[in-house]
PDB file of all heavy atoms in Angstrom:
ATOM      1  N   LEU A   1      98.568 120.112  89.648  1.00  0.00           N
ATOM      2  CA  LEU A   1      97.430 120.054  90.558  1.00  0.00           C
ATOM      3  C   LEU A   1      96.201 120.724  89.957  1.00  0.00           C
ATOM      4  O   LEU A   1      96.321 121.697  89.217  1.00  0.00           O
ATOM      5  CB  LEU A   1      97.778 120.740  91.883  1.00  0.00           C
ATOM      6  CG  LEU A   1      98.885 120.085  92.706  1.00  0.00           C
ATOM      7  CD1 LEU A   1      99.169 120.928  93.944  1.00  0.00           C
ATOM      8  CD2 LEU A   1      98.515 118.672  93.103  1.00  0.00           C
ATOM      9  N   PRO A   2      95.027 120.223  90.282  1.00  0.00           N
ATOM     10  CA  PRO A   2      93.803 120.873  89.814  1.00  0.00           C
ATOM     11  C   PRO A   2      93.626 122.227  90.498  1.00  0.00           C
ATOM     12  O   PRO A   2      94.164 122.460  91.587  1.00  0.00           O
ATOM     13  CB  PRO A   2      92.702 119.895  90.229  1.00  0.00           C
ATOM     14  CG  PRO A   2      93.281 119.101  91.331  1.00  0.00           C
ATOM     15  CD  PRO A   2      94.763 119.045  91.089  1.00  0.00           C
ATOM     16  N   SER A   3      92.859 123.107  89.873  1.00  0.00           N
ATOM     17  CA  SER A   3      92.690 124.451  90.419  1.00  0.00           C
ATOM     18  C   SER A   3      91.777 124.486  91.638  1.00  0.00           C
ATOM     19  O   SER A   3      91.856 125.398  92.452  1.00  0.00           O
ATOM     20  CB  SER A   3      92.163 125.398  89.340  1.00  0.00           C
ATOM     21  OG  SER A   3      90.946 124.898  88.818  1.00  0.00           O
ATOM     22  N   SER A   4      90.890 123.503  91.774  1.00  0.00           N
ATOM     23  CA  SER A   4      90.004 123.473  92.936  1.00  0.00           C
ATOM     24  C   SER A   4      89.493 122.059  93.174  1.00  0.00           C
ATOM     25  O   SER A   4      89.697 121.163  92.360  1.00  0.00           O
ATOM     26  CB  SER A   4      88.823 124.426  92.723  1.00  0.00           C
ATOM     27  OG  SER A   4      88.037 123.966  91.641  1.00  0.00           O
ATOM     28  N   GLY A   5      88.813 121.881  94.305  1.00  0.00           N
ATOM     29  CA  GLY A   5      88.211 120.593  94.638  1.00  0.00           C
ATOM     30  C   GLY A   5      89.109 119.739  95.506  1.00  0.00           C
ATOM     31  O   GLY A   5      90.282 120.030  95.710  1.00  0.00           O
ATOM     32  N   SER A   6      88.533 118.669  96.021  1.00  0.00           N
ATOM     33  CA  SER A   6      89.305 117.741  96.846  1.00  0.00           C
ATOM     34  C   SER A   6      90.156 116.838  95.951  1.00  0.00           C
ATOM     35  O   SER A   6      89.780 116.532  94.827  1.00  0.00           O
ATOM     36  CB  SER A   6      88.372 116.903  97.724  1.00  0.00           C
ATOM     37  OG  SER A   6      87.472 116.177  96.916  1.00  0.00           O
ATOM     38  N   VAL A   7      91.306 116.446  96.475  1.00  0.00           N
ATOM     39  CA  VAL A   7      92.268 115.686  95.679  1.00  0.00           C
ATOM     40  C   VAL A   7      92.693 114.430  96.434  1.00  0.00           C
ATOM     41  O   VAL A   7      93.015 114.493  97.626  1.00  0.00           O
ATOM     42  CB  VAL A   7      93.526 116.536  95.369  1.00  0.00           C
ATOM     43  CG1 VAL A   7      94.536 115.736  94.554  1.00  0.00           C
ATOM     44  CG2 VAL A   7      93.150 117.816  94.644  1.00  0.00           C
ATOM     45  N   TYR A   8      92.702 113.298  95.740  1.00  0.00           N
ATOM     46  CA  TYR A   8      93.263 112.056  96.268  1.00  0.00           C
ATOM     47  C   TYR A   8      94.587 111.850  95.557  1.00  0.00           C
ATOM     48  O   TYR A   8      94.626 111.772  94.320  1.00  0.00           O
ATOM     49  CB  TYR A   8      92.324 110.875  96.008  1.00  0.00           C
ATOM     50  CG  TYR A   8      92.845 109.576  96.577  1.00  0.00           C
ATOM     51  CD1 TYR A   8      92.541 109.200  97.875  1.00  0.00           C
ATOM     52  CD2 TYR A   8      93.667 108.737  95.821  1.00  0.00           C
ATOM     53  CE1 TYR A   8      93.021 108.013  98.417  1.00  0.00           C
ATOM     54  CE2 TYR A   8      94.152 107.555  96.356  1.00  0.00           C
ATOM     55  CZ  TYR A   8      93.829 107.202  97.646  1.00  0.00           C
ATOM     56  OH  TYR A   8      94.309 106.028  98.168  1.00  0.00           O
ATOM     57  N   VAL A   9      95.656 111.798  96.314  1.00  0.00           N
ATOM     58  CA  VAL A   9      96.986 111.600  95.737  1.00  0.00           C
ATOM     59  C   VAL A   9      97.465 110.206  96.113  1.00  0.00           C
ATOM     60  O   VAL A   9      97.506 109.846  97.291  1.00  0.00           O
ATOM     61  CB  VAL A   9      97.995 112.654  96.246  1.00  0.00           C
ATOM     62  CG1 VAL A   9      99.376 112.395  95.671  1.00  0.00           C
ATOM     63  CG2 VAL A   9      97.518 114.060  95.895  1.00  0.00           C
ATOM     64  N   ALA A  10      97.803 109.427  95.100  1.00  0.00           N
ATOM     65  CA  ALA A  10      98.338 108.082  95.312  1.00  0.00           C
ATOM     66  C   ALA A  10      99.781 108.070  94.853  1.00  0.00           C
ATOM     67  O   ALA A  10     100.086 108.470  93.732  1.00  0.00           O
ATOM     68  CB  ALA A  10      97.525 107.059  94.526  1.00  0.00           C
ATOM     69  N   ARG A  11     100.673 107.616  95.722  1.00  0.00           N
ATOM     70  CA  ARG A  11     102.090 107.489  95.369  1.00  0.00           C
ATOM     71  C   ARG A  11     102.415 106.024  95.212  1.00  0.00           C
ATOM     72  O   ARG A  11     102.173 105.224  96.115  1.00  0.00           O
ATOM     73  CB  ARG A  11     102.961 108.115  96.447  1.00  0.00           C
ATOM     74  CG  ARG A  11     102.810 109.629  96.506  1.00  0.00           C
ATOM     75  CD  ARG A  11     103.750 110.202  97.491  1.00  0.00           C
ATOM     76  NE  ARG A  11     105.093 110.145  96.918  1.00  0.00           N
ATOM     77  CZ  ARG A  11     106.009 111.062  97.105  1.00  0.00           C
ATOM     78  NH1 ARG A  11     105.756 112.104  97.842  1.00  0.00           N
ATOM     79  NH2 ARG A  11     107.194 110.940  96.567  1.00  0.00           N
ATOM     80  N   LEU A  12     102.952 105.684  94.054  1.00  0.00           N
ATOM     81  CA  LEU A  12     103.332 104.309  93.753  1.00  0.00           C
ATOM     82  C   LEU A  12     104.804 104.282  93.377  1.00  0.00           C
ATOM     83  O   LEU A  12     105.359 105.300  92.976  1.00  0.00           O
ATOM     84  CB  LEU A  12     102.480 103.768  92.605  1.00  0.00           C
ATOM     85  CG  LEU A  12     100.973 103.754  92.873  1.00  0.00           C
ATOM     86  CD1 LEU A  12     100.271 104.762  92.007  1.00  0.00           C
ATOM     87  CD2 LEU A  12     100.417 102.382  92.637  1.00  0.00           C
ATOM     88  N   ASN A  13     105.411 103.113  93.489  1.00  0.00           N
ATOM     89  CA  ASN A  13     106.827 102.965  93.177  1.00  0.00           C
ATOM     90  C   ASN A  13     106.994 101.929  92.077  1.00  0.00           C
ATOM     91  O   ASN A  13     106.645 100.761  92.255  1.00  0.00           O
ATOM     92  CB  ASN A  13     107.589 102.538  94.438  1.00  0.00           C
ATOM     93  CG  ASN A  13     109.076 102.515  94.228  1.00  0.00           C
ATOM     94  OD1 ASN A  13     109.572 102.376  93.112  1.00  0.00           O
ATOM     95  ND2 ASN A  13     109.817 102.636  95.311  1.00  0.00           N
ATOM     96  N   GLY A  14     107.526 102.362  90.943  1.00  0.00           N
ATOM     97  CA  GLY A  14     107.723 101.474  89.800  1.00  0.00           C
ATOM     98  C   GLY A  14     108.637 100.301  90.091  1.00  0.00           C
ATOM     99  O   GLY A  14     108.531  99.248  89.478  1.00  0.00           O
ATOM    100  N   GLN A  15     109.541 100.455  91.063  1.00  0.00           N
ATOM    101  CA  GLN A  15     110.445  99.365  91.417  1.00  0.00           C
ATOM    102  C   GLN A  15     109.696  98.215  92.091  1.00  0.00           C
ATOM    103  O   GLN A  15     110.198  97.102  92.132  1.00  0.00           O
ATOM    104  CB  GLN A  15     111.566  99.870  92.315  1.00  0.00           C
ATOM    105  CG  GLN A  15     112.503 100.803  91.586  1.00  0.00           C
ATOM    106  CD  GLN A  15     113.598 101.355  92.476  1.00  0.00           C
ATOM    107  OE1 GLN A  15     113.525 101.304  93.700  1.00  0.00           O
ATOM    108  NE2 GLN A  15     114.635 101.894  91.856  1.00  0.00           N
ATOM    109  N   GLU A  16     108.508  98.494  92.599  1.00  0.00           N
ATOM    110  CA  GLU A  16     107.694  97.451  93.214  1.00  0.00           C
ATOM    111  C   GLU A  16     106.747  96.795  92.215  1.00  0.00           C
ATOM    112  O   GLU A  16     105.882  96.023  92.593  1.00  0.00           O
ATOM    113  CB  GLU A  16     106.901  98.048  94.387  1.00  0.00           C
ATOM    114  CG  GLU A  16     107.791  98.521  95.518  1.00  0.00           C
ATOM    115  CD  GLU A  16     107.012  99.104  96.680  1.00  0.00           C
ATOM    116  OE1 GLU A  16     105.806  98.811  96.817  1.00  0.00           O
ATOM    117  OE2 GLU A  16     107.617  99.860  97.454  1.00  0.00           O
ATOM    118  N   MET A  17     106.938  97.100  90.914  1.00  0.00           N
ATOM    119  CA  MET A  17     106.060  96.571  89.870  1.00  0.00           C
ATOM    120  C   MET A  17     106.854  95.930  88.729  1.00  0.00           C
ATOM    121  O   MET A  17     106.715  96.317  87.579  1.00  0.00           O
ATOM    122  CB  MET A  17     105.166  97.699  89.337  1.00  0.00           C
ATOM    123  CG  MET A  17     104.253  98.286  90.383  1.00  0.00           C
ATOM    124  SD  MET A  17     103.142  99.552  89.704  1.00  0.00           S
ATOM    125  CE  MET A  17     104.071 101.035  90.078  1.00  0.00           C
ATOM    126  N   PRO A  18     107.663  94.913  89.041  1.00  0.00           N
ATOM    127  CA  PRO A  18     108.466  94.288  87.985  1.00  0.00           C
ATOM    128  C   PRO A  18     107.665  93.346  87.088  1.00  0.00           C
ATOM    129  O   PRO A  18     108.080  93.027  85.981  1.00  0.00           O
ATOM    130  CB  PRO A  18     109.526  93.516  88.767  1.00  0.00           C
ATOM    131  CG  PRO A  18     108.855  93.166  90.049  1.00  0.00           C
ATOM    132  CD  PRO A  18     107.962  94.350  90.356  1.00  0.00           C
ATOM    133  N   ASP A  19     106.500  92.873  87.560  1.00  0.00           N
ATOM    134  CA  ASP A  19     105.691  91.942  86.782  1.00  0.00           C
ATOM    135  C   ASP A  19     104.216  92.290  86.945  1.00  0.00           C
ATOM    136  O   ASP A  19     103.854  93.175  87.715  1.00  0.00           O
ATOM    137  CB  ASP A  19     105.958  90.492  87.218  1.00  0.00           C
ATOM    138  CG  ASP A  19     105.769  90.294  88.711  1.00  0.00           C
ATOM    139  OD1 ASP A  19     104.734  90.743  89.257  1.00  0.00           O
ATOM    140  OD2 ASP A  19     106.647  89.689  89.349  1.00  0.00           O
ATOM    141  N   GLU A  20     103.368  91.604  86.191  1.00  0.00           N
ATOM    142  CA  GLU A  20     101.939  91.910  86.205  1.00  0.00           C
ATOM    143  C   GLU A  20     101.320  91.746  87.592  1.00  0.00           C
ATOM    144  O   GLU A  20     100.587  92.617  88.059  1.00  0.00           O
ATOM    145  CB  GLU A  20     101.190  91.035  85.205  1.00  0.00           C
ATOM    146  CG  GLU A  20     101.457  91.396  83.771  1.00  0.00           C
ATOM    147  CD  GLU A  20     100.664  90.550  82.787  1.00  0.00           C
ATOM    148  OE1 GLU A  20      99.846  89.702  83.209  1.00  0.00           O
ATOM    149  OE2 GLU A  20     100.864  90.752  81.578  1.00  0.00           O
ATOM    150  N   VAL A  21     101.604  90.631  88.258  1.00  0.00           N
ATOM    151  CA  VAL A  21     100.984  90.368  89.556  1.00  0.00           C
ATOM    152  C   VAL A  21     101.341  91.457  90.557  1.00  0.00           C
ATOM    153  O   VAL A  21     100.468  91.983  91.266  1.00  0.00           O
ATOM    154  CB  VAL A  21     101.376  88.964  90.091  1.00  0.00           C
ATOM    155  CG1 VAL A  21     100.895  88.767  91.515  1.00  0.00           C
ATOM    156  CG2 VAL A  21     100.821  87.871  89.182  1.00  0.00           C
ATOM    157  N   SER A  22     102.611  91.825  90.636  1.00  0.00           N
ATOM    158  CA  SER A  22     103.004  92.869  91.594  1.00  0.00           C
ATOM    159  C   SER A  22     102.439  94.232  91.191  1.00  0.00           C
ATOM    160  O   SER A  22     102.113  95.045  92.064  1.00  0.00           O
ATOM    161  CB  SER A  22     104.522  92.921  91.747  1.00  0.00           C
ATOM    162  OG  SER A  22     105.149  93.181  90.521  1.00  0.00           O
ATOM    163  N   THR A  23     102.295  94.483  89.906  1.00  0.00           N
ATOM    164  CA  THR A  23     101.689  95.732  89.442  1.00  0.00           C
ATOM    165  C   THR A  23     100.234  95.804  89.882  1.00  0.00           C
ATOM    166  O   THR A  23      99.788  96.803  90.446  1.00  0.00           O
ATOM    167  CB  THR A  23     101.793  95.856  87.908  1.00  0.00           C
ATOM    168  OG1 THR A  23     103.178  95.832  87.541  1.00  0.00           O
ATOM    169  CG2 THR A  23     101.155  97.145  87.406  1.00  0.00           C
ATOM    170  N   PHE A  24      99.488  94.730  89.627  1.00  0.00           N
ATOM    171  CA  PHE A  24      98.088  94.691  90.054  1.00  0.00           C
ATOM    172  C   PHE A  24      97.978  94.809  91.574  1.00  0.00           C
ATOM    173  O   PHE A  24      97.125  95.529  92.088  1.00  0.00           O
ATOM    174  CB  PHE A  24      97.412  93.400  89.591  1.00  0.00           C
ATOM    175  CG  PHE A  24      97.317  93.242  88.090  1.00  0.00           C
ATOM    176  CD1 PHE A  24      97.349  91.985  87.518  1.00  0.00           C
ATOM    177  CD2 PHE A  24      97.189  94.336  87.251  1.00  0.00           C
ATOM    178  CE1 PHE A  24      97.253  91.818  86.147  1.00  0.00           C
ATOM    179  CE2 PHE A  24      97.100  94.192  85.866  1.00  0.00           C
ATOM    180  CZ  PHE A  24      97.127  92.926  85.313  1.00  0.00           C
ATOM    181  N   GLN A  25      98.850  94.120  92.294  1.00  0.00           N
ATOM    182  CA  GLN A  25      98.829  94.146  93.757  1.00  0.00           C
ATOM    183  C   GLN A  25      99.087  95.559  94.282  1.00  0.00           C
ATOM    184  O   GLN A  25      98.375  96.045  95.159  1.00  0.00           O
ATOM    185  CB  GLN A  25      99.879  93.172  94.322  1.00  0.00           C
ATOM    186  CG  GLN A  25      99.935  93.119  95.836  1.00  0.00           C
ATOM    187  CD  GLN A  25      98.712  92.448  96.431  1.00  0.00           C
ATOM    188  OE1 GLN A  25      98.206  91.483  95.879  1.00  0.00           O
ATOM    189  NE2 GLN A  25      98.226  92.966  97.545  1.00  0.00           N
ATOM    190  N   HIS A  26     100.118  96.202  93.746  1.00  0.00           N
ATOM    191  CA  HIS A  26     100.498  97.542  94.197  1.00  0.00           C
ATOM    192  C   HIS A  26      99.359  98.541  93.952  1.00  0.00           C
ATOM    193  O   HIS A  26      98.990  99.308  94.840  1.00  0.00           O
ATOM    194  CB  HIS A  26     101.781  97.963  93.488  1.00  0.00           C
ATOM    195  CG  HIS A  26     102.531  99.075  94.132  1.00  0.00           C
ATOM    196  ND1 HIS A  26     102.769  99.167  95.483  1.00  0.00           N
ATOM    197  CD2 HIS A  26     103.112 100.182  93.588  1.00  0.00           C
ATOM    198  CE1 HIS A  26     103.466 100.260  95.749  1.00  0.00           C
ATOM    199  NE2 HIS A  26     103.672 100.902  94.612  1.00  0.00           N
ATOM    200  N   PHE A  27      98.802  98.530  92.754  1.00  0.00           N
ATOM    201  CA  PHE A  27      97.700  99.436  92.441  1.00  0.00           C
ATOM    202  C   PHE A  27      96.475  99.119  93.291  1.00  0.00           C
ATOM    203  O   PHE A  27      95.797 100.026  93.781  1.00  0.00           O
ATOM    204  CB  PHE A  27      97.347  99.380  90.954  1.00  0.00           C
ATOM    205  CG  PHE A  27      98.037 100.432  90.147  1.00  0.00           C
ATOM    206  CD1 PHE A  27      99.359 100.270  89.776  1.00  0.00           C
ATOM    207  CD2 PHE A  27      97.373 101.581  89.760  1.00  0.00           C
ATOM    208  CE1 PHE A  27     100.010 101.241  89.035  1.00  0.00           C
ATOM    209  CE2 PHE A  27      98.018 102.556  89.021  1.00  0.00           C
ATOM    210  CZ  PHE A  27      99.335 102.399  88.652  1.00  0.00           C
ATOM    211  N   SER A  28      96.186  97.843  93.454  1.00  0.00           N
ATOM    212  CA  SER A  28      95.028  97.435  94.241  1.00  0.00           C
ATOM    213  C   SER A  28      95.127  97.941  95.679  1.00  0.00           C
ATOM    214  O   SER A  28      94.152  98.451  96.241  1.00  0.00           O
ATOM    215  CB  SER A  28      94.901  95.910  94.224  1.00  0.00           C
ATOM    216  OG  SER A  28      93.801  95.500  94.985  1.00  0.00           O
ATOM    217  N   GLU A  29      96.308  97.842  96.271  1.00  0.00           N
ATOM    218  CA  GLU A  29      96.510  98.303  97.646  1.00  0.00           C
ATOM    219  C   GLU A  29      96.435  99.823  97.763  1.00  0.00           C
ATOM    220  O   GLU A  29      95.751 100.356  98.632  1.00  0.00           O
ATOM    221  CB  GLU A  29      97.862  97.816  98.178  1.00  0.00           C
ATOM    222  CG  GLU A  29      97.916  96.332  98.436  1.00  0.00           C
ATOM    223  CD  GLU A  29      99.313  95.826  98.761  1.00  0.00           C
ATOM    224  OE1 GLU A  29     100.268  96.641  98.790  1.00  0.00           O
ATOM    225  OE2 GLU A  29      99.456  94.614  98.977  1.00  0.00           O
ATOM    226  N   VAL A  30      97.134 100.519  96.886  1.00  0.00           N
ATOM    227  CA  VAL A  30      97.229 101.973  96.983  1.00  0.00           C
ATOM    228  C   VAL A  30      95.923 102.665  96.587  1.00  0.00           C
ATOM    229  O   VAL A  30      95.509 103.630  97.214  1.00  0.00           O
ATOM    230  CB  VAL A  30      98.422 102.501  96.150  1.00  0.00           C
ATOM    231  CG1 VAL A  30      98.434 104.013  96.093  1.00  0.00           C
ATOM    232  CG2 VAL A  30      99.732 101.981  96.716  1.00  0.00           C
ATOM    233  N   LEU A  31      95.262 102.155  95.535  1.00  0.00           N
ATOM    234  CA  LEU A  31      94.028 102.779  95.070  1.00  0.00           C
ATOM    235  C   LEU A  31      92.772 102.122  95.640  1.00  0.00           C
ATOM    236  O   LEU A  31      91.666 102.473  95.253  1.00  0.00           O
ATOM    237  CB  LEU A  31      93.971 102.778  93.543  1.00  0.00           C
ATOM    238  CG  LEU A  31      94.988 103.682  92.868  1.00  0.00           C
ATOM    239  CD1 LEU A  31      94.936 103.519  91.358  1.00  0.00           C
ATOM    240  CD2 LEU A  31      94.762 105.125  93.251  1.00  0.00           C
ATOM    241  N   LYS A  32      92.992 101.165  96.534  1.00  0.00           N
ATOM    242  CA  LYS A  32      91.874 100.516  97.227  1.00  0.00           C
ATOM    243  C   LYS A  32      90.862  99.911  96.260  1.00  0.00           C
ATOM    244  O   LYS A  32      89.654 100.133  96.386  1.00  0.00           O
ATOM    245  CB  LYS A  32      91.209 101.512  98.173  1.00  0.00           C
ATOM    246  CG  LYS A  32      92.171 102.112  99.164  1.00  0.00           C
ATOM    247  CD  LYS A  32      91.541 103.218  99.964  1.00  0.00           C
ATOM    248  CE  LYS A  32      92.601 103.778 100.894  1.00  0.00           C
ATOM    249  NZ  LYS A  32      92.493 105.147 101.182  1.00  0.00           N
TER     250      LYS A  32
END
């Protein structure tokens, strides 16, 4: 963790990213 400041924590699951499309989809949803 950083020593100070506001933090955005994104939790992703590698099992939901077996291929490129699902990887892009998962990141796009979680990281907006």
